[in-house]
Protein backbone atom coordinates (compact mmCIF):
# COMPACT_ATOMS: atom_id res chain seq x y z
CA MET A 1 149.27 -29.41 -70.38
CA ALA A 2 151.16 -26.86 -68.27
CA SER A 3 149.02 -23.89 -69.26
CA LEU A 4 145.84 -25.96 -69.09
CA LEU A 5 146.49 -26.83 -65.47
CA SER A 6 147.87 -23.53 -64.27
CA PRO A 7 145.92 -22.09 -61.31
CA ARG A 8 146.78 -18.59 -62.58
CA ILE A 9 144.24 -18.66 -65.41
CA LEU A 10 140.95 -19.41 -63.69
CA LEU A 11 137.78 -17.97 -65.15
CA ALA A 12 135.26 -16.11 -63.04
CA HIS A 13 132.45 -18.39 -61.98
CA SER A 14 129.72 -19.17 -59.50
CA PHE A 15 128.36 -22.63 -58.86
CA THR A 16 124.69 -23.39 -59.17
CA ASN A 17 122.39 -26.31 -58.75
CA PRO A 18 121.50 -27.11 -62.39
CA ARG A 19 117.98 -28.19 -61.48
CA SER A 20 116.96 -25.17 -59.46
CA LEU A 21 119.62 -22.59 -60.36
CA SER A 22 120.03 -21.90 -56.64
CA ARG A 23 123.54 -20.89 -55.62
CA PHE A 24 125.24 -23.50 -53.45
CA ALA A 25 128.88 -22.44 -53.44
CA ALA A 26 131.00 -19.80 -55.10
CA THR A 27 134.42 -18.39 -55.59
CA SER A 28 134.64 -14.70 -56.41
CA TRP A 29 137.03 -13.51 -59.08
CA ARG A 30 137.69 -9.98 -60.27
CA TRP A 31 137.40 -9.18 -63.96
CA VAL A 32 140.42 -7.11 -65.02
CA ASN A 33 138.59 -5.20 -67.74
CA SER A 34 135.03 -4.96 -68.91
CA THR A 35 135.29 -5.99 -72.55
CA PRO A 36 132.15 -8.12 -73.14
CA SER A 37 133.96 -11.21 -74.39
CA TRP A 38 136.47 -13.70 -73.07
CA GLU A 39 139.31 -15.95 -74.11
CA ILE A 40 140.23 -19.52 -73.27
CA LYS A 41 143.82 -20.51 -73.86
CA ALA A 42 145.15 -24.01 -73.42
CA SER A 43 147.64 -26.23 -75.11
CA HIS A 44 148.84 -29.76 -75.15
CA GLU A 45 150.47 -31.80 -77.85
CA ASN A 46 147.91 -33.68 -79.89
CA LYS A 47 147.48 -34.19 -83.55
CA ARG A 48 144.13 -32.35 -83.80
CA GLY A 49 145.14 -29.22 -81.94
CA ILE A 50 141.75 -29.23 -80.26
CA ASN A 51 142.98 -27.03 -77.42
CA GLU A 52 144.64 -24.36 -79.46
CA SER A 53 143.85 -20.83 -78.31
CA SER A 54 140.34 -19.71 -79.22
CA SER A 55 138.51 -16.46 -78.55
CA PHE A 56 135.23 -14.87 -79.45
CA ASP A 57 132.76 -12.04 -79.03
CA SER A 58 129.41 -11.21 -80.56
CA ALA A 59 130.95 -9.41 -83.53
CA SER A 60 134.40 -10.52 -84.59
CA PHE A 61 135.22 -13.39 -82.18
CA GLU A 62 138.63 -11.77 -81.70
CA LYS A 63 138.32 -9.49 -78.66
CA THR A 64 139.27 -10.96 -75.31
CA VAL A 65 138.95 -10.46 -71.59
CA ASP A 66 141.95 -11.03 -69.41
CA VAL A 67 141.21 -12.70 -66.09
CA GLU A 68 143.41 -12.58 -63.06
CA ASN A 69 143.46 -14.90 -60.05
CA THR A 70 142.39 -12.49 -57.30
CA GLN A 71 140.59 -14.84 -54.97
CA GLU A 72 138.22 -13.26 -52.45
CA SER A 73 136.79 -16.46 -50.96
CA SER A 74 138.33 -19.76 -49.96
CA VAL A 75 135.45 -21.80 -51.38
CA ASP A 76 136.30 -23.49 -54.68
CA PHE A 77 135.14 -26.14 -57.14
CA PHE A 78 135.44 -28.90 -54.56
CA VAL A 79 132.39 -28.44 -52.35
CA CYS A 80 131.81 -29.73 -48.83
CA ASP A 81 131.83 -33.46 -48.12
CA ALA A 82 128.07 -33.55 -47.56
CA GLU A 83 127.29 -31.96 -50.92
CA GLY A 84 126.28 -34.66 -53.38
CA ASP A 85 126.02 -37.42 -50.77
CA PRO A 86 122.76 -39.28 -51.45
CA ASP A 87 122.25 -39.57 -47.68
CA CYS A 88 122.37 -35.79 -47.27
CA PRO A 89 118.79 -34.44 -47.54
CA THR A 90 117.84 -31.55 -49.74
CA ARG A 91 117.84 -28.33 -47.76
CA GLY A 92 114.57 -27.89 -45.89
CA TYR A 93 113.75 -31.61 -45.80
CA SER A 94 114.26 -34.41 -43.27
CA SER A 95 116.66 -37.26 -43.94
CA ILE A 96 115.33 -40.58 -45.21
CA GLU A 97 116.70 -42.26 -42.07
CA HIS A 98 114.62 -39.90 -39.92
CA ALA A 99 111.53 -40.79 -41.93
CA LEU A 100 112.17 -44.53 -41.62
CA GLN A 101 112.48 -44.25 -37.85
CA ALA A 102 109.17 -42.38 -37.68
CA LEU A 103 107.42 -45.05 -39.75
CA ARG A 104 108.70 -47.82 -37.48
CA GLN A 105 107.14 -45.94 -34.56
CA GLY A 106 103.75 -45.78 -36.26
CA LYS A 107 104.03 -42.10 -37.13
CA PHE A 108 103.28 -40.17 -40.30
CA VAL A 109 105.74 -39.07 -42.96
CA ILE A 110 105.02 -36.44 -45.60
CA VAL A 111 106.51 -37.19 -49.02
CA VAL A 112 106.77 -34.25 -51.40
CA ASP A 113 107.37 -34.28 -55.13
CA ASP A 114 108.28 -30.73 -56.10
CA GLU A 115 110.03 -31.27 -59.43
CA ASN A 116 109.66 -28.34 -61.83
CA GLY A 117 107.58 -26.42 -59.29
CA ASP A 118 104.55 -28.75 -59.47
CA VAL A 119 104.29 -29.51 -55.76
CA GLN A 120 102.33 -32.50 -54.52
CA GLY A 121 102.47 -34.02 -51.05
CA ASN A 122 101.03 -37.10 -49.39
CA LEU A 123 100.59 -38.18 -45.79
CA ILE A 124 102.00 -41.70 -45.53
CA MET A 125 102.21 -44.30 -42.79
CA ALA A 126 102.54 -48.05 -42.32
CA ALA A 127 99.29 -49.89 -43.01
CA THR A 128 100.10 -52.46 -40.32
CA LEU A 129 100.27 -49.73 -37.65
CA THR A 130 97.15 -47.80 -38.63
CA SER A 131 94.47 -46.77 -36.12
CA PRO A 132 91.22 -44.76 -36.36
CA LYS A 133 93.06 -41.73 -34.98
CA GLU A 134 95.52 -41.67 -37.90
CA ILE A 135 92.80 -42.26 -40.49
CA ALA A 136 90.79 -39.37 -39.03
CA PHE A 137 93.87 -37.14 -39.29
CA MET A 138 94.29 -38.15 -42.94
CA ILE A 139 90.65 -37.42 -43.72
CA LYS A 140 90.84 -34.03 -42.01
CA ASN A 141 94.05 -32.89 -43.70
CA GLY A 142 93.75 -34.72 -46.99
CA SER A 143 91.41 -35.16 -49.91
CA GLY A 144 89.10 -37.52 -48.03
CA ILE A 145 90.34 -40.39 -50.16
CA VAL A 146 92.31 -42.97 -48.20
CA SER A 147 94.41 -45.25 -50.40
CA VAL A 148 96.50 -48.34 -49.74
CA GLY A 149 99.63 -49.08 -51.77
CA MET A 150 100.25 -52.79 -52.35
CA LYS A 151 102.51 -55.03 -54.38
CA LYS A 152 101.10 -57.01 -57.28
CA GLU A 153 101.46 -60.34 -55.47
CA ASP A 154 99.41 -59.15 -52.49
CA LEU A 155 96.68 -57.78 -54.74
CA GLU A 156 96.53 -61.06 -56.64
CA ARG A 157 96.53 -63.11 -53.42
CA LEU A 158 93.42 -61.22 -52.31
CA ASN A 159 91.91 -61.29 -55.82
CA LEU A 160 91.91 -57.50 -55.96
CA THR A 161 92.48 -57.20 -59.69
CA PRO A 162 92.65 -53.90 -61.61
CA GLU A 163 89.48 -52.44 -63.07
CA MET A 164 91.23 -51.80 -66.36
CA VAL A 165 94.31 -52.93 -68.26
CA ASP A 166 97.41 -51.64 -66.50
CA ASP A 167 99.87 -49.49 -68.44
CA GLU A 168 103.21 -50.14 -66.73
CA ASP A 169 104.77 -47.12 -68.41
CA SER A 170 102.02 -44.70 -67.45
CA SER A 171 102.85 -41.93 -65.02
CA ALA A 172 99.32 -42.05 -63.56
CA PRO A 173 98.56 -43.98 -60.35
CA THR A 174 97.33 -47.53 -60.96
CA PHE A 175 94.01 -47.77 -59.11
CA THR A 176 92.51 -51.23 -58.78
CA ILE A 177 89.21 -51.41 -56.89
CA THR A 178 87.68 -50.03 -53.71
CA VAL A 179 86.95 -52.31 -50.77
CA ASP A 180 85.61 -52.45 -47.22
CA ALA A 181 86.36 -55.14 -44.66
CA LYS A 182 83.33 -57.36 -44.07
CA SER A 183 84.08 -57.91 -40.40
CA GLY A 184 84.48 -55.20 -37.76
CA THR A 185 82.95 -52.39 -39.82
CA SER A 186 79.55 -50.71 -39.86
CA SER A 187 77.12 -50.99 -42.72
CA THR A 188 78.54 -47.89 -44.45
CA GLY A 189 82.27 -48.54 -44.05
CA VAL A 190 82.98 -44.81 -44.39
CA SER A 191 83.96 -43.84 -40.83
CA ALA A 192 87.57 -43.47 -39.73
CA SER A 193 87.30 -46.60 -37.59
CA ASP A 194 85.75 -48.56 -40.47
CA ARG A 195 88.47 -47.52 -42.90
CA ALA A 196 91.18 -48.23 -40.32
CA MET A 197 89.79 -51.76 -39.92
CA THR A 198 89.83 -52.22 -43.70
CA VAL A 199 93.44 -51.02 -43.93
CA LEU A 200 94.54 -53.34 -41.11
CA ARG A 201 92.80 -56.29 -42.72
CA LEU A 202 94.43 -55.58 -46.08
CA SER A 203 97.85 -55.57 -44.39
CA SER A 204 97.30 -58.88 -42.60
CA LEU A 205 99.09 -61.98 -43.82
CA GLN A 206 96.02 -63.98 -42.77
CA ALA A 207 93.64 -61.98 -44.97
CA LYS A 208 91.61 -63.87 -47.60
CA PRO A 209 89.72 -62.69 -50.70
CA ASP A 210 86.31 -63.19 -49.09
CA ASP A 211 87.27 -60.89 -46.18
CA PHE A 212 86.35 -57.88 -48.34
CA LYS A 213 83.28 -56.47 -50.01
CA ARG A 214 83.37 -54.26 -53.05
CA PRO A 215 82.87 -51.50 -53.89
CA GLY A 216 84.02 -49.86 -50.69
CA HIS A 217 85.70 -46.78 -49.25
CA VAL A 218 89.41 -47.66 -49.32
CA PHE A 219 91.13 -47.22 -52.68
CA LEU A 220 93.79 -49.73 -53.69
CA LEU A 221 96.91 -48.65 -55.59
CA LYS A 222 99.20 -51.06 -57.38
CA TYR A 223 102.93 -50.66 -56.69
CA ARG A 224 105.13 -51.09 -59.75
CA ASP A 225 108.12 -53.38 -59.33
CA GLY A 226 111.28 -51.31 -59.02
CA GLY A 227 109.54 -48.64 -56.98
CA VAL A 228 110.69 -45.05 -57.33
CA LEU A 229 113.60 -46.21 -59.47
CA ARG A 230 111.04 -47.37 -62.03
CA ARG A 231 108.37 -44.72 -61.52
CA ALA A 232 108.83 -41.61 -59.38
CA SER A 233 105.41 -41.40 -57.73
CA HIS A 234 103.86 -41.37 -54.29
CA THR A 235 102.52 -44.93 -54.49
CA GLU A 236 105.96 -46.30 -55.21
CA ALA A 237 107.56 -43.98 -52.65
CA SER A 238 105.19 -45.08 -49.91
CA VAL A 239 105.81 -48.80 -50.40
CA ASP A 240 109.55 -48.28 -50.85
CA LEU A 241 109.66 -46.53 -47.48
CA MET A 242 107.90 -49.49 -45.84
CA ILE A 243 110.42 -51.90 -47.35
CA LEU A 244 113.38 -49.75 -46.26
CA ALA A 245 111.90 -49.49 -42.75
CA GLY A 246 111.66 -53.29 -42.51
CA LEU A 247 107.85 -53.25 -42.43
CA ARG A 248 105.23 -55.09 -44.48
CA PRO A 249 105.26 -53.58 -47.99
CA ILE A 250 101.79 -52.10 -47.64
CA SER A 251 101.24 -48.38 -47.11
CA VAL A 252 98.33 -46.08 -46.41
CA LEU A 253 98.41 -42.63 -48.00
CA SER A 254 96.32 -39.58 -48.77
CA ALA A 255 97.01 -36.42 -50.79
CA ILE A 256 97.33 -33.26 -48.68
CA LEU A 257 94.95 -30.40 -49.46
CA ASP A 258 94.86 -26.82 -48.23
CA GLN A 259 92.00 -26.78 -45.73
CA GLU A 260 91.20 -23.14 -46.47
CA ASP A 261 90.17 -23.55 -50.10
CA GLY A 262 90.46 -27.27 -50.86
CA SER A 263 93.28 -26.75 -53.37
CA LYS A 264 96.44 -28.82 -53.60
CA ALA A 265 98.62 -27.89 -50.63
CA SER A 266 101.62 -25.66 -51.24
CA LEU A 267 105.06 -26.53 -49.92
CA PRO A 268 104.93 -23.81 -47.20
CA TYR A 269 101.53 -25.16 -46.12
CA MET A 270 102.93 -28.70 -45.84
CA ARG A 271 106.00 -27.48 -43.97
CA LYS A 272 103.72 -25.76 -41.45
CA LEU A 273 101.62 -28.92 -41.07
CA ALA A 274 104.76 -31.00 -40.56
CA SER A 275 106.14 -28.58 -37.98
CA GLU A 276 102.90 -28.39 -35.99
CA HIS A 277 102.56 -32.17 -35.75
CA ASP A 278 106.24 -33.17 -35.65
CA ILE A 279 106.05 -35.05 -38.95
CA PRO A 280 109.22 -35.66 -41.00
CA ILE A 281 108.89 -34.21 -44.50
CA VAL A 282 111.03 -35.85 -47.18
CA SER A 283 111.69 -35.24 -50.85
CA LEU A 284 110.83 -37.90 -53.42
CA THR A 285 114.09 -37.00 -55.17
CA ASP A 286 116.04 -37.72 -51.97
CA LEU A 287 114.40 -41.14 -51.71
CA ILE A 288 115.47 -41.96 -55.25
CA ARG A 289 119.05 -40.93 -54.48
CA TYR A 290 118.99 -42.93 -51.22
CA ARG A 291 117.99 -46.12 -53.04
CA ARG A 292 120.43 -45.58 -55.88
CA LYS A 293 123.31 -45.44 -53.42
CA ARG A 294 122.41 -48.72 -51.73
CA GLU A 295 121.25 -50.99 -54.50
CA LYS A 296 123.29 -52.49 -57.31
CA LEU A 297 121.69 -51.13 -60.43
CA VAL A 298 124.00 -52.50 -63.13
CA GLU A 299 125.34 -55.85 -64.24
CA ARG A 300 128.43 -56.43 -66.35
CA VAL A 301 127.50 -58.07 -69.65
CA THR A 302 130.86 -58.60 -71.35
CA VAL A 303 134.34 -57.17 -71.97
CA ALA A 304 136.06 -56.90 -75.35
CA ARG A 305 139.10 -55.33 -77.01
CA LEU A 306 138.18 -52.19 -78.96
CA PRO A 307 140.65 -50.47 -81.33
CA THR A 308 139.66 -46.82 -81.93
CA LYS A 309 141.16 -43.82 -83.73
CA SER A 310 142.34 -42.62 -80.32
CA GLY A 311 144.02 -45.91 -79.45
CA LEU A 312 143.32 -49.40 -78.11
CA PHE A 313 140.79 -49.68 -75.28
CA GLN A 314 139.11 -52.39 -73.23
CA ALA A 315 135.34 -52.02 -73.68
CA TYR A 316 133.08 -52.95 -70.74
CA CYS A 317 129.35 -53.31 -71.40
CA TYR A 318 126.97 -52.78 -68.47
CA ARG A 319 123.22 -53.27 -68.49
CA SER A 320 120.96 -51.23 -66.22
CA LYS A 321 118.68 -53.36 -64.07
CA LEU A 322 116.15 -50.54 -64.05
CA ASP A 323 115.43 -50.08 -67.74
CA GLY A 324 117.68 -52.52 -69.63
CA ILE A 325 119.73 -49.71 -71.22
CA GLU A 326 123.28 -50.81 -72.00
CA ASN A 327 126.13 -48.41 -71.22
CA ILE A 328 129.80 -48.72 -72.10
CA ALA A 329 133.06 -47.93 -70.34
CA LEU A 330 136.38 -47.73 -72.21
CA GLY A 331 139.82 -47.90 -70.65
CA ASP A 332 142.18 -49.45 -68.14
CA VAL A 333 142.17 -48.49 -64.45
CA GLY A 334 145.28 -50.30 -63.23
CA ASN A 335 145.26 -50.29 -59.42
CA GLY A 336 142.27 -47.95 -59.31
CA GLN A 337 144.13 -45.05 -57.72
CA ASP A 338 144.45 -41.54 -59.19
CA ILE A 339 142.62 -42.54 -62.38
CA LEU A 340 141.80 -40.07 -65.14
CA VAL A 341 138.01 -40.37 -65.60
CA ARG A 342 135.48 -38.91 -68.00
CA VAL A 343 131.77 -39.59 -67.40
CA HIS A 344 130.24 -38.61 -70.73
CA SER A 345 126.53 -38.06 -71.32
CA GLU A 346 125.11 -39.43 -74.56
CA CYS A 347 124.69 -36.77 -77.25
CA LEU A 348 123.58 -38.30 -80.54
CA THR A 349 123.69 -34.99 -82.39
CA GLY A 350 127.15 -34.05 -81.14
CA ASP A 351 128.88 -37.41 -80.75
CA ILE A 352 127.63 -39.01 -83.98
CA PHE A 353 126.69 -36.17 -86.34
CA GLY A 354 129.21 -33.59 -85.17
CA SER A 355 126.62 -30.93 -84.30
CA GLY A 356 128.02 -27.43 -84.09
CA ARG A 357 125.50 -26.43 -81.42
CA CYS A 358 127.46 -28.10 -78.61
CA ASP A 359 130.97 -29.29 -77.79
CA CYS A 360 129.99 -32.81 -76.69
CA GLY A 361 131.63 -34.76 -79.50
CA LYS A 362 134.85 -32.78 -79.20
CA GLN A 363 134.92 -33.32 -75.44
CA LEU A 364 134.57 -37.08 -75.94
CA GLU A 365 137.40 -37.18 -78.50
CA LEU A 366 139.65 -35.08 -76.30
CA ALA A 367 138.98 -37.25 -73.23
CA MET A 368 139.89 -40.42 -75.12
CA GLU A 369 143.08 -38.82 -76.43
CA LEU A 370 144.14 -37.67 -72.97
CA ILE A 371 143.53 -41.14 -71.53
CA GLU A 372 145.49 -42.76 -74.34
CA LYS A 373 148.34 -40.31 -73.77
CA GLU A 374 148.42 -41.00 -70.03
CA GLY A 375 148.36 -44.75 -70.54
CA ARG A 376 145.42 -45.48 -68.27
CA GLY A 377 142.03 -44.03 -67.43
CA VAL A 378 138.39 -44.62 -68.29
CA VAL A 379 135.54 -43.03 -70.23
CA VAL A 380 132.05 -44.03 -69.08
CA TYR A 381 129.48 -43.37 -71.81
CA LEU A 382 126.03 -42.96 -70.25
CA ARG A 383 123.06 -43.47 -72.53
CA GLY A 384 119.68 -41.95 -71.75
CA HIS A 385 121.28 -38.55 -71.03
CA GLU A 386 120.37 -36.98 -74.37
CA GLY A 387 119.84 -33.24 -74.00
CA ARG A 388 120.84 -33.28 -70.31
CA GLY A 389 118.25 -36.00 -69.78
CA ILE A 390 115.24 -34.51 -71.59
CA GLY A 391 115.47 -36.79 -74.64
CA LEU A 392 116.19 -36.28 -78.33
CA GLY A 393 112.77 -34.94 -79.34
CA HIS A 394 112.67 -32.38 -76.56
CA LYS A 395 116.24 -31.37 -77.34
CA LEU A 396 115.32 -30.59 -80.94
CA ARG A 397 112.31 -28.60 -79.72
CA ALA A 398 114.67 -26.69 -77.45
CA TYR A 399 116.88 -25.98 -80.47
CA ASN A 400 113.91 -24.33 -82.19
CA LEU A 401 113.40 -22.10 -79.15
CA GLN A 402 117.11 -21.26 -79.10
CA ASP A 403 116.82 -20.15 -82.72
CA GLN A 404 114.08 -17.78 -81.53
CA GLY A 405 116.37 -16.19 -78.95
CA HIS A 406 116.16 -18.42 -75.88
CA ASP A 407 119.34 -19.79 -74.35
CA THR A 408 119.66 -23.49 -73.45
CA VAL A 409 118.38 -22.95 -69.90
CA GLN A 410 115.45 -20.73 -70.92
CA ALA A 411 114.43 -23.21 -73.62
CA ASN A 412 114.11 -26.07 -71.14
CA ILE A 413 112.08 -23.92 -68.77
CA GLU A 414 109.80 -22.80 -71.61
CA LEU A 415 109.14 -26.47 -72.43
CA GLY A 416 108.36 -27.23 -68.79
CA LEU A 417 111.43 -29.45 -68.46
CA ALA A 418 114.22 -29.76 -65.92
CA ILE A 419 117.32 -27.71 -66.66
CA ASP A 420 119.41 -30.81 -65.99
CA ALA A 421 117.63 -34.14 -65.42
CA ARG A 422 120.72 -36.35 -65.44
CA ASP A 423 121.60 -38.75 -62.64
CA TYR A 424 125.11 -40.14 -62.30
CA GLY A 425 124.39 -43.09 -59.99
CA ILE A 426 124.69 -45.64 -62.81
CA GLY A 427 128.02 -44.14 -63.88
CA ALA A 428 129.32 -44.24 -60.31
CA GLN A 429 128.41 -47.90 -59.95
CA ILE A 430 130.13 -48.74 -63.24
CA LEU A 431 133.30 -46.98 -62.08
CA ARG A 432 133.28 -48.86 -58.78
CA ASP A 433 132.72 -52.21 -60.50
CA ILE A 434 135.63 -51.59 -62.87
CA GLY A 435 137.84 -50.84 -59.88
CA VAL A 436 138.15 -47.04 -59.71
CA ARG A 437 138.64 -45.75 -56.17
CA THR A 438 140.26 -42.32 -56.52
CA MET A 439 140.10 -40.24 -59.67
CA ARG A 440 140.88 -37.03 -61.45
CA LEU A 441 137.62 -36.10 -63.07
CA MET A 442 137.63 -34.64 -66.58
CA THR A 443 134.76 -32.17 -66.42
CA ASN A 444 133.80 -28.51 -66.52
CA ASN A 445 130.59 -29.20 -64.59
CA PRO A 446 130.46 -28.99 -60.76
CA ALA A 447 127.17 -30.92 -60.75
CA LYS A 448 128.96 -33.95 -62.18
CA PHE A 449 131.47 -33.80 -59.35
CA THR A 450 128.76 -33.67 -56.69
CA GLY A 451 126.77 -36.34 -58.54
CA LEU A 452 129.61 -38.88 -58.30
CA LYS A 453 131.30 -38.33 -55.00
CA GLY A 454 128.46 -39.62 -52.82
CA TYR A 455 128.95 -43.17 -54.08
CA GLY A 456 132.25 -44.05 -52.39
CA LEU A 457 134.40 -42.47 -55.10
CA ALA A 458 137.04 -39.93 -54.09
CA VAL A 459 137.61 -37.11 -56.58
CA VAL A 460 141.16 -35.93 -55.89
CA GLY A 461 141.43 -33.48 -58.77
CA ARG A 462 139.75 -31.97 -61.79
CA VAL A 463 141.02 -31.79 -65.34
CA PRO A 464 139.11 -29.36 -67.59
CA VAL A 465 137.94 -30.43 -71.03
CA VAL A 466 138.56 -27.31 -73.11
CA THR A 467 137.48 -27.41 -76.73
CA THR A 468 137.33 -24.91 -79.56
CA ILE A 469 134.72 -22.16 -79.24
CA THR A 470 132.78 -21.56 -82.46
CA LYS A 471 130.17 -19.09 -83.65
CA GLU A 472 127.52 -21.81 -83.41
CA ASN A 473 128.25 -22.93 -79.84
CA ARG A 474 129.47 -19.64 -78.32
CA ARG A 475 126.17 -18.73 -76.65
CA TYR A 476 125.65 -22.30 -75.43
CA MET A 477 129.10 -22.36 -73.81
CA GLU A 478 128.60 -18.94 -72.24
CA THR A 479 125.20 -19.96 -70.84
CA LYS A 480 126.70 -23.06 -69.25
CA ARG A 481 129.36 -20.89 -67.63
CA LYS A 482 127.04 -18.13 -66.43
CA LYS A 483 123.88 -20.04 -65.52
CA MET A 484 125.06 -23.58 -64.77
CA GLY A 485 128.36 -22.88 -63.06
CA HIS A 486 130.62 -24.57 -65.60
CA VAL A 487 134.34 -23.84 -65.23
CA TYR A 488 136.53 -24.08 -68.29
CA ILE A 489 140.03 -23.74 -66.85
CA SER A 490 141.70 -25.97 -64.26
CA ASP A 491 141.57 -25.21 -60.57
CA ILE A 492 144.28 -27.67 -59.55
CA ASP A 493 148.02 -27.19 -59.78
CA GLN A 494 148.93 -30.67 -60.90
CA PRO A 495 150.44 -32.08 -64.11
CA LEU A 496 148.28 -34.40 -66.18
CA ALA A 497 150.80 -37.19 -66.59
């Protein structure tokens, strides 16, 4: 492994956020010549010779580029401590803690879902702290529809049953019925004070079914159990925020519209609104990460001995509490310190069928061999990550686009999908439960490093997973390096074993 771990053979790279392709850290390296191809050389003793020298270019796969360690910046693979911490808000947004404090004080929070550029924002506040002033503000700056998010048990207690059969897997909001409070409201129930009275009555523990008349002017939304970890939507986000703030799990919310033309508000518009009225603005993605850090999402099912072609491993089965998916971890962590770790994303085509389009199966085999050679370590195999999280069907559709000339990043964008939709919170919780505390992470992907280190796991080094480059996967590998910040040679001067 000496050449594999030498700091003298780093490849040029820049690090990007795989979801947005925005640059978040970089190290500059000077190319020694301009030949439009490159070479990866690595060696260690194993029976397959998977890390034997390989090189390629568009014609003969034999030309190479020499690279020289001429560092121009001190920033490297290991990014700042805040990067990847689920408590650290996305740039341009408030922290979840800031939002929770505002809610406790009876103030608004704006929650924005801006995945894949489809921006949607809602004004949200605690139903128990609502007043006519806040409802009037919602009506003025929103769609005119004031909704209340409630748990199933509260809806059933008040006999506010859905108008239609509920599809728990649907991504659409689950509307039930519309109501007005019978007492304390005018005959119409449409004014800000009337709707505020209805919201307050809905949030009261003393409320009874006959306190409401229907139809009315306040729309009721059913919260799905599991919240944003089950369904990433504004209804679930609003109630989750109430729970995290220690308030009654009943929210009041309204979609924000641009007051100039009545269209869905843009992110700059919502930022301006938030700034003018001192309203925290938070990302739905940040809320998901915040919850994932704090809640135990997996349970250990069983442990068994598993002989494999790479050696004998202990197999740990973990079931996700969110979706019931069972994941597996293989290995032995000893005292949990300085553990060789591979967090591997499921790839049916590569891991099972040996697809030539990617290097996933070869990376998995190599990781298991390195762990067996070292004598301890762990591979966590995460299911549900097929195609960087887009699913098998979408991955095959992306393959068709790649055959038409798109690269792996362009294909996802063309399909309207995230470039990388994976989350490593489940993997981090499995590692902690097994007993890993500090680790050397086997990865070429900076996003995996940042995705793990916010969960109380210290990454003390990186070991690259360098596999053979082929004609079929050459463009895929090059795209990961150029557009997703992957690094194929080690940046630590440390022996493997």
